[in-house]
Amino acid sequence: YFGTVTFVYVLPKSTFSSDQKKVASVFYNVIIPMLNPVIYSL
């Protein structure tokens, strides 16, 4: 979570392209909420 949040919101905009930011946002908004119950259950 913090790794993805840092990538999306903390690192300078010029470091990565908008497409890379969008992929990171997918991970942050879509994939991590699915992974958390799996991580804690397994």
PDB file of all heavy atoms in Angstrom:
ATOM      1  N   TYR A   1       0.816  -1.211   0.000  1.00  0.00           N
ATOM      2  CA  TYR A   1       0.000   0.000   0.000  1.00  0.00           C
ATOM      3  C   TYR A   1       0.853   1.265   0.000  1.00  0.00           C
ATOM      4  O   TYR A   1       0.703   2.136  -0.865  1.00  0.00           O
ATOM      5  CB  TYR A   1      -0.940   0.006   1.202  1.00  0.00           C
ATOM      6  CG  TYR A   1      -1.930   1.153   1.167  1.00  0.00           C
ATOM      7  CD1 TYR A   1      -3.056   1.087   0.361  1.00  0.00           C
ATOM      8  CD2 TYR A   1      -1.731   2.301   1.916  1.00  0.00           C
ATOM      9  CE1 TYR A   1      -3.965   2.131   0.297  1.00  0.00           C
ATOM     10  CE2 TYR A   1      -2.634   3.353   1.868  1.00  0.00           C
ATOM     11  CZ  TYR A   1      -3.744   3.256   1.061  1.00  0.00           C
ATOM     12  OH  TYR A   1      -4.634   4.306   1.001  1.00  0.00           O
ATOM     13  N   PHE A   2       1.758   1.377   0.962  1.00  0.00           N
ATOM     14  CA  PHE A   2       2.564   2.590   1.053  1.00  0.00           C
ATOM     15  C   PHE A   2       3.514   2.724  -0.135  1.00  0.00           C
ATOM     16  O   PHE A   2       3.811   3.830  -0.589  1.00  0.00           O
ATOM     17  CB  PHE A   2       3.348   2.617   2.363  1.00  0.00           C
ATOM     18  CG  PHE A   2       2.525   3.004   3.559  1.00  0.00           C
ATOM     19  CD1 PHE A   2       2.496   2.215   4.692  1.00  0.00           C
ATOM     20  CD2 PHE A   2       1.758   4.161   3.543  1.00  0.00           C
ATOM     21  CE1 PHE A   2       1.741   2.570   5.794  1.00  0.00           C
ATOM     22  CE2 PHE A   2       0.989   4.525   4.637  1.00  0.00           C
ATOM     23  CZ  PHE A   2       0.984   3.729   5.771  1.00  0.00           C
ATOM     24  N   GLY A   3       3.983   1.593  -0.655  1.00  0.00           N
ATOM     25  CA  GLY A   3       4.840   1.643  -1.835  1.00  0.00           C
ATOM     26  C   GLY A   3       4.106   2.226  -3.032  1.00  0.00           C
ATOM     27  O   GLY A   3       4.633   3.090  -3.741  1.00  0.00           O
ATOM     28  N   THR A   4       2.857   1.769  -3.229  1.00  0.00           N
ATOM     29  CA  THR A   4       2.072   2.265  -4.356  1.00  0.00           C
ATOM     30  C   THR A   4       1.649   3.725  -4.154  1.00  0.00           C
ATOM     31  O   THR A   4       1.691   4.523  -5.087  1.00  0.00           O
ATOM     32  CB  THR A   4       0.807   1.397  -4.536  1.00  0.00           C
ATOM     33  OG1 THR A   4       1.188   0.027  -4.561  1.00  0.00           O
ATOM     34  CG2 THR A   4       0.110   1.735  -5.834  1.00  0.00           C
ATOM     35  N   VAL A   5       1.234   4.065  -2.924  1.00  0.00           N
ATOM     36  CA  VAL A   5       0.826   5.442  -2.626  1.00  0.00           C
ATOM     37  C   VAL A   5       1.987   6.406  -2.856  1.00  0.00           C
ATOM     38  O   VAL A   5       1.811   7.490  -3.425  1.00  0.00           O
ATOM     39  CB  VAL A   5       0.319   5.547  -1.171  1.00  0.00           C
ATOM     40  CG1 VAL A   5       0.215   7.001  -0.739  1.00  0.00           C
ATOM     41  CG2 VAL A   5      -1.042   4.884  -1.038  1.00  0.00           C
ATOM     42  N   THR A   6       3.175   6.000  -2.432  1.00  0.00           N
ATOM     43  CA  THR A   6       4.361   6.842  -2.638  1.00  0.00           C
ATOM     44  C   THR A   6       4.628   7.035  -4.124  1.00  0.00           C
ATOM     45  O   THR A   6       4.937   8.146  -4.582  1.00  0.00           O
ATOM     46  CB  THR A   6       5.592   6.202  -1.969  1.00  0.00           C
ATOM     47  OG1 THR A   6       5.324   6.043  -0.570  1.00  0.00           O
ATOM     48  CG2 THR A   6       6.830   7.069  -2.155  1.00  0.00           C
ATOM     49  N   PHE A   7       4.483   5.961  -4.897  1.00  0.00           N
ATOM     50  CA  PHE A   7       4.708   6.028  -6.346  1.00  0.00           C
ATOM     51  C   PHE A   7       3.727   6.988  -7.002  1.00  0.00           C
ATOM     52  O   PHE A   7       4.092   7.800  -7.855  1.00  0.00           O
ATOM     53  CB  PHE A   7       4.554   4.627  -6.946  1.00  0.00           C
ATOM     54  CG  PHE A   7       4.808   4.558  -8.424  1.00  0.00           C
ATOM     55  CD1 PHE A   7       6.077   4.317  -8.909  1.00  0.00           C
ATOM     56  CD2 PHE A   7       3.773   4.735  -9.332  1.00  0.00           C
ATOM     57  CE1 PHE A   7       6.313   4.257 -10.287  1.00  0.00           C
ATOM     58  CE2 PHE A   7       3.988   4.675 -10.696  1.00  0.00           C
ATOM     59  CZ  PHE A   7       5.269   4.429 -11.174  1.00  0.00           C
ATOM     60  N   VAL A   8       2.446   6.920  -6.583  1.00  0.00           N
ATOM     61  CA  VAL A   8       1.392   7.711  -7.243  1.00  0.00           C
ATOM     62  C   VAL A   8       1.401   9.158  -6.795  1.00  0.00           C
ATOM     63  O   VAL A   8       1.271  10.081  -7.607  1.00  0.00           O
ATOM     64  CB  VAL A   8       0.007   7.080  -6.981  1.00  0.00           C
ATOM     65  CG1 VAL A   8      -1.103   7.955  -7.552  1.00  0.00           C
ATOM     66  CG2 VAL A   8      -0.067   5.686  -7.599  1.00  0.00           C
ATOM     67  N   TYR A   9       1.575   9.403  -5.483  1.00  0.00           N
ATOM     68  CA  TYR A   9       1.315  10.737  -4.949  1.00  0.00           C
ATOM     69  C   TYR A   9       2.529  11.496  -4.421  1.00  0.00           C
ATOM     70  O   TYR A   9       2.444  12.698  -4.206  1.00  0.00           O
ATOM     71  CB  TYR A   9       0.275  10.650  -3.824  1.00  0.00           C
ATOM     72  CG  TYR A   9      -1.080  10.198  -4.315  1.00  0.00           C
ATOM     73  CD1 TYR A   9      -1.560   8.923  -4.025  1.00  0.00           C
ATOM     74  CD2 TYR A   9      -1.868  11.029  -5.094  1.00  0.00           C
ATOM     75  CE1 TYR A   9      -2.791   8.493  -4.499  1.00  0.00           C
ATOM     76  CE2 TYR A   9      -3.111  10.604  -5.574  1.00  0.00           C
ATOM     77  CZ  TYR A   9      -3.557   9.342  -5.263  1.00  0.00           C
ATOM     78  OH  TYR A   9      -4.781   8.930  -5.736  1.00  0.00           O
ATOM     79  N   VAL A  10       3.640  10.807  -4.198  1.00  0.00           N
ATOM     80  CA  VAL A  10       4.789  11.481  -3.579  1.00  0.00           C
ATOM     81  C   VAL A  10       5.912  11.763  -4.575  1.00  0.00           C
ATOM     82  O   VAL A  10       6.481  12.853  -4.588  1.00  0.00           O
ATOM     83  CB  VAL A  10       5.337  10.648  -2.389  1.00  0.00           C
ATOM     84  CG1 VAL A  10       6.567  11.319  -1.783  1.00  0.00           C
ATOM     85  CG2 VAL A  10       4.249  10.478  -1.324  1.00  0.00           C
ATOM     86  N   LEU A  11       6.231  10.780  -5.421  1.00  0.00           N
ATOM     87  CA  LEU A  11       7.336  10.967  -6.363  1.00  0.00           C
ATOM     88  C   LEU A  11       7.015  12.075  -7.368  1.00  0.00           C
ATOM     89  O   LEU A  11       5.849  12.288  -7.714  1.00  0.00           O
ATOM     90  CB  LEU A  11       7.621   9.658  -7.104  1.00  0.00           C
ATOM     91  CG  LEU A  11       8.134   8.492  -6.246  1.00  0.00           C
ATOM     92  CD1 LEU A  11       8.365   7.260  -7.104  1.00  0.00           C
ATOM     93  CD2 LEU A  11       9.426   8.870  -5.523  1.00  0.00           C
ATOM     94  N   PRO A  12       8.023  12.806  -7.838  1.00  0.00           N
ATOM     95  CA  PRO A  12       7.799  13.902  -8.803  1.00  0.00           C
ATOM     96  C   PRO A  12       7.098  13.418 -10.068  1.00  0.00           C
ATOM     97  O   PRO A  12       7.312  12.297 -10.534  1.00  0.00           O
ATOM     98  CB  PRO A  12       9.225  14.381  -9.123  1.00  0.00           C
ATOM     99  CG  PRO A  12      10.046  13.952  -7.958  1.00  0.00           C
ATOM    100  CD  PRO A  12       9.433  12.675  -7.458  1.00  0.00           C
ATOM    101  N   LYS A  13       6.244  14.269 -10.624  1.00  0.00           N
ATOM    102  CA  LYS A  13       5.477  13.912 -11.827  1.00  0.00           C
ATOM    103  C   LYS A  13       6.376  13.571 -13.009  1.00  0.00           C
ATOM    104  O   LYS A  13       6.046  12.737 -13.851  1.00  0.00           O
ATOM    105  CB  LYS A  13       4.539  15.059 -12.213  1.00  0.00           C
ATOM    106  CG  LYS A  13       3.464  15.348 -11.184  1.00  0.00           C
ATOM    107  CD  LYS A  13       2.607  16.509 -11.645  1.00  0.00           C
ATOM    108  CE  LYS A  13       1.546  16.861 -10.609  1.00  0.00           C
ATOM    109  NZ  LYS A  13       0.721  18.020 -11.036  1.00  0.00           N
ATOM    110  N   SER A  14       7.516  14.245 -13.087  1.00  0.00           N
ATOM    111  CA  SER A  14       8.399  14.048 -14.232  1.00  0.00           C
ATOM    112  C   SER A  14       9.117  12.701 -14.199  1.00  0.00           C
ATOM    113  O   SER A  14       9.681  12.267 -15.203  1.00  0.00           O
ATOM    114  CB  SER A  14       9.446  15.172 -14.274  1.00  0.00           C
ATOM    115  OG  SER A  14      10.189  15.195 -13.066  1.00  0.00           O
ATOM    116  N   THR A  15       9.085  12.015 -13.055  1.00  0.00           N
ATOM    117  CA  THR A  15       9.800  10.751 -12.914  1.00  0.00           C
ATOM    118  C   THR A  15       9.180   9.645 -13.760  1.00  0.00           C
ATOM    119  O   THR A  15       9.878   8.811 -14.327  1.00  0.00           O
ATOM    120  CB  THR A  15       9.824  10.313 -11.434  1.00  0.00           C
ATOM    121  OG1 THR A  15      10.305  11.401 -10.631  1.00  0.00           O
ATOM    122  CG2 THR A  15      10.742   9.107 -11.240  1.00  0.00           C
ATOM    123  N   PHE A  16       7.845   9.632 -13.846  1.00  0.00           N
ATOM    124  CA  PHE A  16       7.149   8.567 -14.561  1.00  0.00           C
ATOM    125  C   PHE A  16       6.086   9.161 -15.489  1.00  0.00           C
ATOM    126  O   PHE A  16       5.601  10.266 -15.270  1.00  0.00           O
ATOM    127  CB  PHE A  16       6.492   7.596 -13.572  1.00  0.00           C
ATOM    128  CG  PHE A  16       7.455   6.969 -12.613  1.00  0.00           C
ATOM    129  CD1 PHE A  16       7.615   7.491 -11.331  1.00  0.00           C
ATOM    130  CD2 PHE A  16       8.212   5.876 -12.985  1.00  0.00           C
ATOM    131  CE1 PHE A  16       8.507   6.922 -10.451  1.00  0.00           C
ATOM    132  CE2 PHE A  16       9.102   5.299 -12.110  1.00  0.00           C
ATOM    133  CZ  PHE A  16       9.269   5.828 -10.833  1.00  0.00           C
ATOM    134  N   SER A  17       5.720   8.392 -16.510  1.00  0.00           N
ATOM    135  CA  SER A  17       4.710   8.845 -17.463  1.00  0.00           C
ATOM    136  C   SER A  17       3.310   8.723 -16.855  1.00  0.00           C
ATOM    137  O   SER A  17       3.107   8.026 -15.851  1.00  0.00           O
ATOM    138  CB  SER A  17       4.783   8.009 -18.740  1.00  0.00           C
ATOM    139  OG  SER A  17       4.388   6.668 -18.489  1.00  0.00           O
ATOM    140  N   SER A  18       2.335   9.369 -17.495  1.00  0.00           N
ATOM    141  CA  SER A  18       0.953   9.312 -17.018  1.00  0.00           C
ATOM    142  C   SER A  18       0.396   7.891 -17.114  1.00  0.00           C
ATOM    143  O   SER A  18      -0.406   7.475 -16.273  1.00  0.00           O
ATOM    144  CB  SER A  18       0.078  10.274 -17.821  1.00  0.00           C
ATOM    145  OG  SER A  18       0.119   9.953 -19.205  1.00  0.00           O
ATOM    146  N   ASP A  19       0.823   7.133 -18.136  1.00  0.00           N
ATOM    147  CA  ASP A  19       0.361   5.751 -18.274  1.00  0.00           C
ATOM    148  C   ASP A  19       0.874   4.883 -17.126  1.00  0.00           C
ATOM    149  O   ASP A  19       0.152   4.009 -16.620  1.00  0.00           O
ATOM    150  CB  ASP A  19       0.812   5.162 -19.614  1.00  0.00           C
ATOM    151  CG  ASP A  19       0.053   5.741 -20.791  1.00  0.00           C
ATOM    152  OD1 ASP A  19      -1.057   6.259 -20.569  1.00  0.00           O
ATOM    153  OD2 ASP A  19       0.565   5.693 -21.921  1.00  0.00           O
ATOM    154  N   GLN A  20       2.116   5.094 -16.706  1.00  0.00           N
ATOM    155  CA  GLN A  20       2.662   4.353 -15.573  1.00  0.00           C
ATOM    156  C   GLN A  20       1.928   4.702 -14.286  1.00  0.00           C
ATOM    157  O   GLN A  20       1.677   3.842 -13.438  1.00  0.00           O
ATOM    158  CB  GLN A  20       4.160   4.639 -15.432  1.00  0.00           C
ATOM    159  CG  GLN A  20       5.013   4.019 -16.537  1.00  0.00           C
ATOM    160  CD  GLN A  20       6.466   4.455 -16.463  1.00  0.00           C
ATOM    161  OE1 GLN A  20       6.769   5.616 -16.211  1.00  0.00           O
ATOM    162  NE2 GLN A  20       7.368   3.510 -16.677  1.00  0.00           N
ATOM    163  N   LYS A  21       1.575   5.977 -14.135  1.00  0.00           N
ATOM    164  CA  LYS A  21       0.813   6.411 -12.963  1.00  0.00           C
ATOM    165  C   LYS A  21      -0.567   5.756 -12.954  1.00  0.00           C
ATOM    166  O   LYS A  21      -1.087   5.382 -11.894  1.00  0.00           O
ATOM    167  CB  LYS A  21       0.658   7.929 -12.969  1.00  0.00           C
ATOM    168  CG  LYS A  21       1.954   8.699 -12.733  1.00  0.00           C
ATOM    169  CD  LYS A  21       2.241   8.844 -11.259  1.00  0.00           C
ATOM    170  CE  LYS A  21       3.439   9.774 -11.031  1.00  0.00           C
ATOM    171  NZ  LYS A  21       3.716   9.998  -9.606  1.00  0.00           N
ATOM    172  N   LYS A  22      -1.174   5.624 -14.123  1.00  0.00           N
ATOM    173  CA  LYS A  22      -2.494   5.001 -14.209  1.00  0.00           C
ATOM    174  C   LYS A  22      -2.426   3.528 -13.806  1.00  0.00           C
ATOM    175  O   LYS A  22      -3.316   3.030 -13.107  1.00  0.00           O
ATOM    176  CB  LYS A  22      -3.069   5.148 -15.624  1.00  0.00           C
ATOM    177  CG  LYS A  22      -3.620   6.527 -15.922  1.00  0.00           C
ATOM    178  CD  LYS A  22      -4.498   6.544 -17.161  1.00  0.00           C
ATOM    179  CE  LYS A  22      -3.699   6.540 -18.427  1.00  0.00           C
ATOM    180  NZ  LYS A  22      -4.560   6.716 -19.629  1.00  0.00           N
ATOM    181  N   VAL A  23      -1.395   2.839 -14.246  1.00  0.00           N
ATOM    182  CA  VAL A  23      -1.226   1.430 -13.874  1.00  0.00           C
ATOM    183  C   VAL A  23      -1.043   1.305 -12.365  1.00  0.00           C
ATOM    184  O   VAL A  23      -1.625   0.418 -11.717  1.00  0.00           O
ATOM    185  CB  VAL A  23      -0.024   0.814 -14.626  1.00  0.00           C
ATOM    186  CG1 VAL A  23       0.279  -0.579 -14.093  1.00  0.00           C
ATOM    187  CG2 VAL A  23      -0.293   0.756 -16.119  1.00  0.00           C
ATOM    188  N   ALA A  24      -0.249   2.210 -11.779  1.00  0.00           N
ATOM    189  CA  ALA A  24      -0.051   2.204 -10.332  1.00  0.00           C
ATOM    190  C   ALA A  24      -1.362   2.490  -9.599  1.00  0.00           C
ATOM    191  O   ALA A  24      -1.633   1.915  -8.538  1.00  0.00           O
ATOM    192  CB  ALA A  24       1.007   3.232  -9.941  1.00  0.00           C
ATOM    193  N   SER A  25      -2.193   3.376 -10.172  1.00  0.00           N
ATOM    194  CA  SER A  25      -3.491   3.687  -9.567  1.00  0.00           C
ATOM    195  C   SER A  25      -4.426   2.483  -9.604  1.00  0.00           C
ATOM    196  O   SER A  25      -5.237   2.290  -8.693  1.00  0.00           O
ATOM    197  CB  SER A  25      -4.141   4.876 -10.291  1.00  0.00           C
ATOM    198  OG  SER A  25      -3.402   6.056 -10.090  1.00  0.00           O
ATOM    199  N   VAL A  26      -4.332   1.679 -10.664  1.00  0.00           N
ATOM    200  CA  VAL A  26      -5.112   0.436 -10.731  1.00  0.00           C
ATOM    201  C   VAL A  26      -4.729  -0.469  -9.568  1.00  0.00           C
ATOM    202  O   VAL A  26      -5.585  -1.056  -8.885  1.00  0.00           O
ATOM    203  CB  VAL A  26      -4.889  -0.298 -12.073  1.00  0.00           C
ATOM    204  CG1 VAL A  26      -5.530  -1.684 -12.042  1.00  0.00           C
ATOM    205  CG2 VAL A  26      -5.452   0.507 -13.226  1.00  0.00           C
ATOM    206  N   PHE A  27      -3.437  -0.559  -9.317  1.00  0.00           N
ATOM    207  CA  PHE A  27      -2.955  -1.404  -8.221  1.00  0.00           C
ATOM    208  C   PHE A  27      -3.454  -0.869  -6.884  1.00  0.00           C
ATOM    209  O   PHE A  27      -3.908  -1.623  -6.020  1.00  0.00           O
ATOM    210  CB  PHE A  27      -1.422  -1.418  -8.243  1.00  0.00           C
ATOM    211  CG  PHE A  27      -0.827  -2.612  -7.565  1.00  0.00           C
ATOM    212  CD1 PHE A  27      -0.785  -3.838  -8.197  1.00  0.00           C
ATOM    213  CD2 PHE A  27      -0.316  -2.508  -6.280  1.00  0.00           C
ATOM    214  CE1 PHE A  27      -0.250  -4.948  -7.565  1.00  0.00           C
ATOM    215  CE2 PHE A  27       0.227  -3.605  -5.636  1.00  0.00           C
ATOM    216  CZ  PHE A  27       0.262  -4.836  -6.282  1.00  0.00           C
ATOM    217  N   TYR A  28      -3.426   0.448  -6.727  1.00  0.00           N
ATOM    218  CA  TYR A  28      -3.786   1.108  -5.474  1.00  0.00           C
ATOM    219  C   TYR A  28      -5.285   1.074  -5.209  1.00  0.00           C
ATOM    220  O   TYR A  28      -5.726   0.782  -4.083  1.00  0.00           O
ATOM    221  CB  TYR A  28      -3.258   2.554  -5.540  1.00  0.00           C
ATOM    222  CG  TYR A  28      -3.865   3.554  -4.601  1.00  0.00           C
ATOM    223  CD1 TYR A  28      -3.568   3.521  -3.241  1.00  0.00           C
ATOM    224  CD2 TYR A  28      -4.699   4.566  -5.062  1.00  0.00           C
ATOM    225  CE1 TYR A  28      -4.112   4.461  -2.378  1.00  0.00           C
ATOM    226  CE2 TYR A  28      -5.235   5.507  -4.209  1.00  0.00           C
ATOM    227  CZ  TYR A  28      -4.935   5.445  -2.864  1.00  0.00           C
ATOM    228  OH  TYR A  28      -5.474   6.375  -2.017  1.00  0.00           O
ATOM    229  N   ASN A  29      -6.094   1.328  -6.231  1.00  0.00           N
ATOM    230  CA  ASN A  29      -7.548   1.423  -6.057  1.00  0.00           C
ATOM    231  C   ASN A  29      -8.300   0.121  -6.292  1.00  0.00           C
ATOM    232  O   ASN A  29      -9.409  -0.039  -5.776  1.00  0.00           O
ATOM    233  CB  ASN A  29      -8.141   2.474  -7.008  1.00  0.00           C
ATOM    234  CG  ASN A  29      -7.832   3.893  -6.588  1.00  0.00           C
ATOM    235  OD1 ASN A  29      -6.952   4.530  -7.162  1.00  0.00           O
ATOM    236  ND2 ASN A  29      -8.525   4.398  -5.598  1.00  0.00           N
ATOM    237  N   VAL A  30      -7.719  -0.781  -7.070  1.00  0.00           N
ATOM    238  CA  VAL A  30      -8.458  -1.975  -7.502  1.00  0.00           C
ATOM    239  C   VAL A  30      -7.865  -3.263  -6.936  1.00  0.00           C
ATOM    240  O   VAL A  30      -8.599  -4.095  -6.367  1.00  0.00           O
ATOM    241  CB  VAL A  30      -8.493  -2.055  -9.049  1.00  0.00           C
ATOM    242  CG1 VAL A  30      -9.253  -3.296  -9.504  1.00  0.00           C
ATOM    243  CG2 VAL A  30      -9.125  -0.794  -9.639  1.00  0.00           C
ATOM    244  N   ILE A  31      -6.560  -3.439  -7.079  1.00  0.00           N
ATOM    245  CA  ILE A  31      -5.951  -4.726  -6.740  1.00  0.00           C
ATOM    246  C   ILE A  31      -5.688  -4.880  -5.243  1.00  0.00           C
ATOM    247  O   ILE A  31      -5.989  -5.927  -4.650  1.00  0.00           O
ATOM    248  CB  ILE A  31      -4.655  -4.931  -7.547  1.00  0.00           C
ATOM    249  CG1 ILE A  31      -4.979  -4.971  -9.038  1.00  0.00           C
ATOM    250  CG2 ILE A  31      -3.948  -6.222  -7.126  1.00  0.00           C
ATOM    251  CD1 ILE A  31      -3.779  -5.087  -9.945  1.00  0.00           C
ATOM    252  N   ILE A  32      -5.124  -3.852  -4.597  1.00  0.00           N
ATOM    253  CA  ILE A  32      -4.808  -3.961  -3.163  1.00  0.00           C
ATOM    254  C   ILE A  32      -6.054  -4.233  -2.314  1.00  0.00           C
ATOM    255  O   ILE A  32      -5.997  -5.071  -1.403  1.00  0.00           O
ATOM    256  CB  ILE A  32      -4.048  -2.712  -2.681  1.00  0.00           C
ATOM    257  CG1 ILE A  32      -2.620  -2.726  -3.240  1.00  0.00           C
ATOM    258  CG2 ILE A  32      -4.022  -2.631  -1.154  1.00  0.00           C
ATOM    259  CD1 ILE A  32      -1.778  -1.532  -2.852  1.00  0.00           C
ATOM    260  N   PRO A  33      -7.203  -3.575  -2.555  1.00  0.00           N
ATOM    261  CA  PRO A  33      -8.398  -3.928  -1.777  1.00  0.00           C
ATOM    262  C   PRO A  33      -8.811  -5.386  -1.924  1.00  0.00           C
ATOM    263  O   PRO A  33      -9.438  -5.946  -1.029  1.00  0.00           O
ATOM    264  CB  PRO A  33      -9.473  -2.995  -2.366  1.00  0.00           C
ATOM    265  CG  PRO A  33      -8.719  -1.800  -2.830  1.00  0.00           C
ATOM    266  CD  PRO A  33      -7.433  -2.368  -3.389  1.00  0.00           C
ATOM    267  N   MET A  34      -8.474  -6.017  -3.056  1.00  0.00           N
ATOM    268  CA  MET A  34      -8.754  -7.437  -3.222  1.00  0.00           C
ATOM    269  C   MET A  34      -7.725  -8.289  -2.486  1.00  0.00           C
ATOM    270  O   MET A  34      -8.053  -9.328  -1.897  1.00  0.00           O
ATOM    271  CB  MET A  34      -8.731  -7.816  -4.712  1.00  0.00           C
ATOM    272  CG  MET A  34      -8.939  -9.296  -4.971  1.00  0.00           C
ATOM    273  SD  MET A  34      -8.393  -9.845  -6.610  1.00  0.00           S
ATOM    274  CE  MET A  34      -6.608  -9.672  -6.489  1.00  0.00           C
ATOM    275  N   LEU A  35      -6.460  -7.850  -2.481  1.00  0.00           N
ATOM    276  CA  LEU A  35      -5.384  -8.644  -1.906  1.00  0.00           C
ATOM    277  C   LEU A  35      -5.414  -8.704  -0.382  1.00  0.00           C
ATOM    278  O   LEU A  35      -5.025  -9.714   0.212  1.00  0.00           O
ATOM    279  CB  LEU A  35      -4.028  -8.096  -2.360  1.00  0.00           C
ATOM    280  CG  LEU A  35      -3.643  -8.305  -3.828  1.00  0.00           C
ATOM    281  CD1 LEU A  35      -2.286  -7.676  -4.111  1.00  0.00           C
ATOM    282  CD2 LEU A  35      -3.609  -9.788  -4.163  1.00  0.00           C
ATOM    283  N   ASN A  36      -5.846  -7.620   0.270  1.00  0.00           N
ATOM    284  CA  ASN A  36      -5.773  -7.568   1.734  1.00  0.00           C
ATOM    285  C   ASN A  36      -6.471  -8.735   2.430  1.00  0.00           C
ATOM    286  O   ASN A  36      -5.865  -9.375   3.299  1.00  0.00           O
ATOM    287  CB  ASN A  36      -6.302  -6.229   2.251  1.00  0.00           C
ATOM    288  CG  ASN A  36      -5.251  -5.135   2.165  1.00  0.00           C
ATOM    289  OD1 ASN A  36      -4.056  -5.403   2.046  1.00  0.00           O
ATOM    290  ND2 ASN A  36      -5.682  -3.891   2.222  1.00  0.00           N
ATOM    291  N   PRO A  37      -7.742  -9.053   2.103  1.00  0.00           N
ATOM    292  CA  PRO A  37      -8.358 -10.214   2.765  1.00  0.00           C
ATOM    293  C   PRO A  37      -7.645 -11.525   2.444  1.00  0.00           C
ATOM    294  O   PRO A  37      -7.584 -12.419   3.287  1.00  0.00           O
ATOM    295  CB  PRO A  37      -9.796 -10.217   2.227  1.00  0.00           C
ATOM    296  CG  PRO A  37      -9.779  -9.375   1.009  1.00  0.00           C
ATOM    297  CD  PRO A  37      -8.698  -8.366   1.211  1.00  0.00           C
ATOM    298  N   VAL A  38      -7.091 -11.633   1.228  1.00  0.00           N
ATOM    299  CA  VAL A  38      -6.349 -12.843   0.857  1.00  0.00           C
ATOM    300  C   VAL A  38      -5.071 -12.953   1.689  1.00  0.00           C
ATOM    301  O   VAL A  38      -4.750 -14.011   2.246  1.00  0.00           O
ATOM    302  CB  VAL A  38      -6.002 -12.825  -0.647  1.00  0.00           C
ATOM    303  CG1 VAL A  38      -5.137 -14.029  -1.007  1.00  0.00           C
ATOM    304  CG2 VAL A  38      -7.263 -12.801  -1.489  1.00  0.00           C
ATOM    305  N   ILE A  39      -4.341 -11.845   1.812  1.00  0.00           N
ATOM    306  CA  ILE A  39      -3.092 -11.820   2.577  1.00  0.00           C
ATOM    307  C   ILE A  39      -3.342 -12.200   4.034  1.00  0.00           C
ATOM    308  O   ILE A  39      -2.670 -13.068   4.599  1.00  0.00           O
ATOM    309  CB  ILE A  39      -2.430 -10.428   2.497  1.00  0.00           C
ATOM    310  CG1 ILE A  39      -1.914 -10.157   1.088  1.00  0.00           C
ATOM    311  CG2 ILE A  39      -1.281 -10.312   3.504  1.00  0.00           C
ATOM    312  CD1 ILE A  39      -1.479  -8.714   0.863  1.00  0.00           C
ATOM    313  N   TYR A  40      -4.331 -11.567   4.654  1.00  0.00           N
ATOM    314  CA  TYR A  40      -4.585 -11.814   6.074  1.00  0.00           C
ATOM    315  C   TYR A  40      -5.196 -13.175   6.329  1.00  0.00           C
ATOM    316  O   TYR A  40      -4.997 -13.760   7.401  1.00  0.00           O
ATOM    317  CB  TYR A  40      -5.487 -10.713   6.644  1.00  0.00           C
ATOM    318  CG  TYR A  40      -4.747  -9.429   6.914  1.00  0.00           C
ATOM    319  CD1 TYR A  40      -4.824  -8.361   6.029  1.00  0.00           C
ATOM    320  CD2 TYR A  40      -3.951  -9.291   8.042  1.00  0.00           C
ATOM    321  CE1 TYR A  40      -4.136  -7.178   6.267  1.00  0.00           C
ATOM    322  CE2 TYR A  40      -3.253  -8.113   8.289  1.00  0.00           C
ATOM    323  CZ  TYR A  40      -3.354  -7.064   7.399  1.00  0.00           C
ATOM    324  OH  TYR A  40      -2.655  -5.904   7.633  1.00  0.00           O
ATOM    325  N   SER A  41      -5.936 -13.719   5.378  1.00  0.00           N
ATOM    326  CA  SER A  41      -6.551 -15.034   5.563  1.00  0.00           C
ATOM    327  C   SER A  41      -5.537 -16.163   5.403  1.00  0.00           C
ATOM    328  O   SER A  41      -5.474 -17.077   6.217  1.00  0.00           O
ATOM    329  CB  SER A  41      -7.705 -15.229   4.572  1.00  0.00           C
ATOM    330  OG  SER A  41      -8.694 -14.259   4.785  1.00  0.00           O
ATOM    331  N   LEU A  42      -4.732 -16.078   4.345  1.00  0.00           N
ATOM    332  CA  LEU A  42      -3.781 -17.156   4.065  1.00  0.00           C
ATOM    333  C   LEU A  42      -2.658 -17.218   5.089  1.00  0.00           C
ATOM    334  O   LEU A  42      -2.086 -18.278   5.338  1.00  0.00           O
ATOM    335  CB  LEU A  42      -3.196 -16.986   2.659  1.00  0.00           C
ATOM    336  CG  LEU A  42      -4.181 -17.166   1.495  1.00  0.00           C
ATOM    337  CD1 LEU A  42      -3.468 -16.953   0.169  1.00  0.00           C
ATOM    338  CD2 LEU A  42      -4.818 -18.555   1.532  1.00  0.00           C
TER     339      LEU A  42
END
